[in-house]
Protein backbone atom coordinates (compact mmCIF):
# COMPACT_ATOMS: atom_id res chain seq x y z
CA MET A 1 112.70 150.52 138.88
CA THR A 2 109.11 151.61 139.53
CA ASN A 3 106.38 149.10 140.17
CA ALA A 4 104.78 149.91 136.80
CA VAL A 5 108.05 149.31 134.94
CA ARG A 6 108.61 146.13 136.95
CA LEU A 7 105.17 144.79 135.97
CA ILE A 8 105.72 145.61 132.30
CA THR A 9 109.11 143.88 132.39
CA ILE A 10 107.64 140.76 134.02
CA GLY A 11 104.87 140.76 131.39
CA PHE A 12 107.39 140.80 128.55
CA LEU A 13 109.34 137.97 130.19
CA LEU A 14 106.21 135.85 130.49
CA LEU A 15 105.36 136.47 126.84
CA ALA A 16 108.88 135.45 125.84
CA LEU A 17 108.51 132.17 127.72
CA MET A 18 105.18 131.29 126.09
CA PRO A 19 105.46 128.84 123.16
CA SER A 20 105.11 130.34 119.72
CA PRO A 21 102.59 128.86 117.27
CA ALA A 22 105.45 127.00 115.58
CA GLN A 23 106.43 125.45 118.90
CA SER A 24 102.95 124.33 119.89
CA GLN A 25 101.60 120.85 119.27
CA PRO A 26 98.56 121.36 117.03
CA THR A 27 97.42 117.70 117.10
CA ARG A 28 97.68 114.55 119.21
CA PHE A 29 99.79 112.82 116.52
CA ASN A 30 103.58 113.08 116.54
CA SER A 31 103.69 112.32 112.81
CA LEU A 32 101.25 115.07 111.94
CA ASN A 33 102.93 117.54 114.26
CA TYR A 34 106.17 116.79 112.43
CA LEU A 35 104.55 117.83 109.15
CA TYR A 36 103.34 121.06 110.74
CA SER A 37 106.85 121.73 112.01
CA ILE A 38 108.52 121.38 108.60
CA SER A 39 105.77 123.02 106.54
CA GLY A 40 107.30 125.92 104.62
CA LYS A 41 110.83 124.80 105.53
CA LYS A 42 111.54 121.25 104.41
CA THR A 43 109.91 118.41 102.47
CA ALA A 44 110.09 114.83 103.75
CA THR A 45 111.18 112.29 101.15
CA GLY A 46 108.90 109.33 100.54
CA GLN A 47 108.69 106.12 98.55
CA HIS A 48 105.79 103.77 97.82
CA ASN A 49 106.23 100.00 97.82
CA ARG A 50 103.64 98.29 95.66
CA GLU A 51 103.35 94.67 94.55
CA PRO A 52 104.46 92.22 95.77
CA SER A 53 103.42 92.60 99.40
CA ALA A 54 105.84 89.76 100.13
CA GLN A 55 108.65 92.32 99.49
CA PRO A 56 107.25 95.41 101.23
CA ALA A 57 110.49 97.42 101.31
CA LYS A 58 111.73 96.62 97.80
CA TRP A 59 111.64 100.14 96.40
CA THR A 60 112.56 101.87 99.66
CA ASN A 61 115.72 99.75 99.81
CA ARG A 62 116.54 100.60 96.22
CA ILE A 63 116.41 104.31 97.07
CA ASP A 64 118.91 103.71 99.87
CA SER A 65 121.19 101.69 97.59
CA LEU A 66 121.21 104.52 95.05
CA THR A 67 121.38 107.60 97.27
CA GLY A 68 122.76 106.39 100.60
CA HIS A 69 119.56 107.63 102.27
CA TYR A 70 116.35 105.90 103.31
CA PRO A 71 113.20 107.92 102.58
CA LYS A 72 111.56 109.60 105.55
CA LEU A 73 108.19 108.16 104.54
CA TRP A 74 107.51 104.48 103.83
CA SER A 75 104.31 103.52 102.05
CA GLY A 76 102.44 100.24 101.57
CA ASP A 77 99.13 99.08 100.09
CA PHE A 78 96.47 96.61 101.28
CA LEU A 79 95.91 95.73 97.60
CA PHE A 80 93.44 93.45 95.88
CA GLN A 81 95.04 90.30 94.40
CA ALA A 82 94.88 86.95 96.20
CA ASP A 83 98.63 86.69 96.87
CA ASN A 84 98.93 90.28 98.08
CA ILE A 85 95.88 89.99 100.33
CA ALA A 86 97.46 86.85 101.80
CA ASN A 87 100.64 88.84 102.52
CA ARG A 88 99.00 91.82 104.21
CA GLY A 89 100.52 90.66 107.48
CA VAL A 90 104.01 90.79 105.96
CA MET A 91 103.35 94.34 104.78
CA ILE A 92 102.11 95.37 108.23
CA ALA A 93 105.18 93.83 109.88
CA GLU A 94 107.31 96.03 107.62
CA ALA A 95 105.27 99.06 108.63
CA LYS A 96 106.10 98.32 112.27
CA ARG A 97 109.77 97.89 111.43
CA GLN A 98 109.87 101.17 109.51
CA TRP A 99 108.09 102.97 112.38
CA LYS A 100 110.70 101.73 114.84
CA LYS A 101 113.37 103.14 112.51
CA GLY A 102 111.67 106.54 112.70
CA ALA A 103 109.81 106.54 109.38
CA LEU A 104 106.45 108.08 108.68
CA ILE A 105 103.95 105.36 107.75
CA ASN A 106 101.59 105.78 104.80
CA LEU A 107 99.00 103.14 103.87
CA MET A 108 96.62 103.09 100.93
CA TRP A 109 94.12 100.59 99.58
CA HIS A 110 93.40 99.70 95.99
CA ALA A 111 90.15 97.96 96.96
CA CYS A 112 88.05 95.56 94.93
CA ASN A 113 84.56 96.62 93.94
CA PRO A 114 82.19 95.46 96.74
CA ALA A 115 79.46 94.99 94.15
CA ARG A 116 81.61 92.33 92.52
CA SER A 117 84.14 89.94 94.06
CA GLN A 118 87.36 89.85 96.05
CA PRO A 119 90.13 89.09 95.29
CA CYS A 120 90.14 90.84 91.94
CA GLY A 121 92.40 92.14 89.20
CA TRP A 122 93.56 95.40 87.68
CA ASP A 123 90.84 95.23 85.05
CA SER A 124 87.26 96.14 84.18
CA THR A 125 85.88 93.50 86.54
CA GLY A 126 88.09 94.55 89.46
CA VAL A 127 89.65 97.79 90.63
CA LEU A 128 88.90 99.44 87.27
CA SER A 129 85.24 98.36 87.19
CA ARG A 130 82.24 100.65 87.47
CA MET A 131 79.08 100.68 89.56
CA THR A 132 75.64 101.48 88.22
CA ASP A 133 73.86 104.40 89.87
CA GLN A 134 71.58 101.89 91.60
CA GLN A 135 74.55 99.93 92.96
CA TRP A 136 76.13 103.17 94.17
CA GLN A 137 73.01 104.08 96.12
CA GLN A 138 73.05 100.62 97.68
CA LEU A 139 76.67 101.13 98.67
CA LEU A 140 75.75 104.29 100.56
CA THR A 141 72.60 102.83 102.13
CA ASP A 142 73.07 101.12 105.46
CA GLY A 143 72.12 97.44 105.54
CA THR A 144 72.00 96.74 101.81
CA PRO A 145 74.08 93.80 100.47
CA ILE A 146 76.68 96.05 98.81
CA ASN A 147 76.95 98.30 101.86
CA THR A 148 77.34 95.25 104.09
CA ARG A 149 80.01 93.80 101.82
CA TRP A 150 81.99 97.07 101.91
CA LYS A 151 81.86 97.02 105.69
CA GLN A 152 83.06 93.41 105.71
CA MET A 153 86.00 94.41 103.53
CA MET A 154 86.75 97.31 105.89
CA ASP A 155 86.58 94.87 108.81
CA GLU A 156 89.35 92.84 107.18
CA VAL A 157 91.58 95.90 106.85
CA ALA A 158 90.68 97.20 110.32
CA VAL A 159 92.26 94.12 111.91
CA TYR A 160 95.65 95.23 110.58
CA LEU A 161 95.11 98.88 111.45
CA GLN A 162 94.21 97.83 114.99
CA ASP A 163 97.39 95.76 115.16
CA LEU A 164 99.35 98.88 114.24
CA GLU A 165 97.49 100.93 116.85
CA ASP A 166 98.26 98.29 119.50
CA SER A 167 101.93 98.64 118.51
CA GLY A 168 101.83 102.44 118.83
CA VAL A 169 102.10 103.08 115.09
CA GLU A 170 100.51 106.21 113.64
CA VAL A 171 99.28 105.85 110.07
CA PHE A 172 98.79 108.35 107.28
CA PHE A 173 95.71 106.57 105.91
CA ARG A 174 94.81 107.31 102.28
CA PRO A 175 91.81 105.25 101.17
CA LEU A 176 89.75 106.08 98.07
CA HIS A 177 92.69 108.00 96.63
CA GLU A 178 92.45 110.17 93.53
CA MET A 179 88.76 110.77 94.22
CA ASN A 180 88.36 112.81 91.04
CA GLN A 181 89.80 109.94 88.95
CA GLY A 182 87.03 108.10 87.11
CA LEU A 183 89.34 105.18 86.39
CA PHE A 184 88.55 103.53 89.74
CA TRP A 185 85.15 102.19 90.81
CA TRP A 186 85.03 104.61 93.76
CA GLY A 187 86.08 107.76 91.90
CA GLY A 188 84.68 110.33 89.56
CA ARG A 189 81.31 110.88 91.26
CA ARG A 190 80.82 114.55 92.08
CA GLY A 191 78.61 116.12 94.68
CA ALA A 192 77.17 115.41 98.10
CA SER A 193 76.08 111.84 97.28
CA GLY A 194 79.18 110.98 95.31
CA THR A 195 82.68 109.86 96.17
CA ALA A 196 82.90 112.39 99.01
CA GLN A 197 80.00 110.65 100.76
CA LEU A 198 81.70 107.26 100.42
CA TYR A 199 84.81 108.81 101.97
CA ARG A 200 82.75 110.09 104.90
CA LEU A 201 81.11 106.68 105.33
CA THR A 202 84.52 105.00 105.27
CA HIS A 203 86.03 107.50 107.70
CA ASP A 204 83.19 107.10 110.19
CA TYR A 205 83.24 103.32 110.00
CA PHE A 206 86.94 103.06 110.77
CA THR A 207 86.98 105.76 113.44
CA LYS A 208 83.58 105.45 115.10
CA THR A 209 82.37 101.90 114.50
CA LYS A 210 85.80 100.23 114.68
CA GLY A 211 87.16 102.78 117.17
CA LEU A 212 90.54 103.25 115.51
CA SER A 213 92.40 106.27 116.90
CA ASN A 214 95.79 105.98 115.14
CA LEU A 215 94.67 107.15 111.70
CA ILE A 216 95.75 110.46 110.18
CA TRP A 217 93.39 110.96 107.26
CA VAL A 218 94.81 111.91 103.87
CA TRP A 219 92.34 113.32 101.35
CA ASP A 220 93.88 112.70 97.95
CA MET A 221 93.18 114.12 94.48
CA GLN A 222 94.79 113.95 91.03
CA ASP A 223 96.19 116.87 89.05
CA PHE A 224 93.60 117.26 86.33
CA LEU A 225 93.04 120.64 84.70
CA SER A 226 89.70 120.75 86.54
CA LEU A 227 91.54 120.67 89.90
CA ALA A 228 90.20 123.97 91.25
CA THR A 229 86.61 122.82 90.74
CA ASP A 230 87.37 119.25 91.80
CA LEU A 231 88.71 120.42 95.15
CA THR A 232 85.25 121.79 95.89
CA ASP A 233 83.16 119.03 94.34
CA TYR A 234 85.04 116.16 96.03
CA ASN A 235 85.80 117.72 99.40
CA PRO A 236 84.28 115.52 102.15
CA GLY A 237 84.59 118.37 104.64
CA ASN A 238 87.46 119.71 106.71
CA ASP A 239 86.55 117.54 109.70
CA TYR A 240 87.19 114.44 107.61
CA TRP A 241 90.82 114.96 106.64
CA ASP A 242 94.09 116.06 108.20
CA ILE A 243 96.31 116.31 105.10
CA ALA A 244 95.42 117.37 101.56
CA ALA A 245 97.47 115.45 99.00
CA LEU A 246 97.80 115.81 95.25
CA ASP A 247 98.99 113.09 92.87
CA LEU A 248 101.08 114.68 90.11
CA TYR A 249 101.13 112.71 86.87
CA ASP A 250 100.40 115.34 84.22
CA SER A 251 103.86 115.80 82.72
CA GLY A 252 102.61 118.61 80.52
CA THR A 253 101.80 120.90 83.43
CA GLY A 254 104.17 119.43 86.03
CA TYR A 255 104.61 121.20 89.35
CA SER A 256 102.74 124.31 88.30
CA ASP A 257 101.94 127.22 90.58
CA TYR A 258 98.28 126.72 89.64
CA LYS A 259 98.22 123.28 91.32
CA TYR A 260 100.26 124.42 94.30
CA ASN A 261 98.11 127.48 94.94
CA ALA A 262 94.90 125.49 94.54
CA MET A 263 96.07 123.07 97.22
CA LEU A 264 97.09 125.90 99.53
CA LYS A 265 93.69 127.51 99.13
CA VAL A 266 91.75 124.38 100.06
CA ALA A 267 94.10 123.31 102.86
CA GLY A 268 94.37 126.60 104.74
CA ASN A 269 96.85 125.97 107.54
CA LYS A 270 96.67 122.18 107.19
CA PRO A 271 99.62 120.34 105.61
CA ILE A 272 99.67 119.65 101.90
CA ALA A 273 101.65 116.86 100.29
CA ILE A 274 102.55 115.27 96.96
CA GLY A 275 100.60 112.04 97.37
CA GLU A 276 102.14 110.29 94.36
CA CYS A 277 104.49 111.20 91.55
CA GLN A 278 106.52 109.55 88.84
CA VAL A 279 108.64 112.59 87.99
CA LEU A 280 110.20 113.73 91.26
CA PRO A 281 110.16 117.41 92.21
CA THR A 282 113.49 119.18 91.84
CA PRO A 283 115.17 120.98 94.75
CA ALA A 284 114.42 124.27 93.00
CA GLN A 285 110.72 123.42 92.72
CA LEU A 286 110.55 122.51 96.41
CA ALA A 287 112.32 125.74 97.30
CA SER A 288 109.71 127.75 95.40
CA GLN A 289 106.81 125.64 96.74
CA PRO A 290 107.92 125.05 100.35
CA ARG A 291 104.53 124.06 101.78
CA TRP A 292 104.74 120.54 100.31
CA THR A 293 105.41 118.55 103.50
CA PHE A 294 106.27 115.28 101.77
CA PHE A 295 106.44 113.69 98.36
CA MET A 296 105.86 110.02 97.63
CA GLY A 297 107.55 108.54 94.58
CA TRP A 298 105.55 105.75 92.98
CA ALA A 299 107.41 102.44 93.25
CA GLU A 300 109.22 101.48 90.03
CA LEU A 301 108.16 104.62 88.14
CA VAL A 302 110.65 106.68 90.13
CA PHE A 303 113.49 104.79 88.47
CA SER A 304 112.09 104.90 84.93
CA PHE A 305 111.10 108.60 84.94
CA ASN A 306 114.16 110.02 86.76
CA THR A 307 117.87 109.51 86.13
CA PRO A 308 120.07 108.25 88.97
CA THR A 309 121.73 111.66 89.04
CA VAL A 310 118.41 113.46 89.48
CA ILE A 311 117.36 111.13 92.30
CA LYS A 312 120.69 111.54 94.08
CA GLU A 313 120.60 115.33 93.78
CA LEU A 314 117.12 115.48 95.32
CA TYR A 315 117.89 113.15 98.22
CA ASN A 316 121.10 115.02 99.00
CA SER A 317 119.62 118.53 98.71
CA LYS A 318 119.04 120.90 101.61
CA GLU A 319 115.34 121.14 100.71
CA VAL A 320 114.49 117.65 101.95
CA GLU A 321 114.65 115.54 105.10
CA ASN A 322 115.47 111.82 104.90
CA LEU A 323 115.04 109.13 107.51
CA ASN A 324 118.49 109.61 108.99
CA GLU A 325 117.86 113.35 109.41
């Protein structure tokens, strides 16, 4: 073997030993790296657990009872009612328990309107209330009463997120979800000074002011027909989110290629996910749309919009990964 051939051979060997892009660790989060590793191959199963916070694994346990599998992703909510706010610690304890079992942890926050009062209800004076344009500007302006109140509310939540960080728990954090949904006080405001700006303010407060480093940011939208435009108008900027999620509730259009392709376009190489759904995706749909890295069934709606047979078939299909896998 000549020296030239020997050098070429050694070069090929070194290249073979180098990690491929699929083998590399693109982020500092194990949970997020897991999503990168399954993207295009598998979809992690997920289940949300909403009220009451005193029973934070109610719907996850029901999935196991029905299918024989725990979901890979467990989800909870900081919520807004007096009793559920009082039981935030119970919900966080469950998050720790699920993390120790190997689950992905997803947390969201149906927050009360900081221009009104907390606790609140699921009504026009609470989560479903509106802000005037003047109140909205106060919310975004540092030092105003509404801005200060929002930061106080974030302080309350940050205590629990810090507890999770101290316990080594990584969190898919999904505040201000369904940003293009005008139903909520925070949503439905397009443009640079709209909901996207509130998301940036919230992100910076938790990460910079509070110094939390265990949050994986989920930017979440809903599947309206205006999705392609909404993904531009409500995008807070790529530096502000790690996962792009879509909540699928439009039964008329379902898991359309239009929605899937729109999410792929905005996400680039970042993971995309089904942030919420009532009708679960079928194995065939996941096979044809393999970039969905997880789906999250919405609490009790999973069991009223899907037959037991359909749920079992999905959780036992080769397209998904459950907790025990």
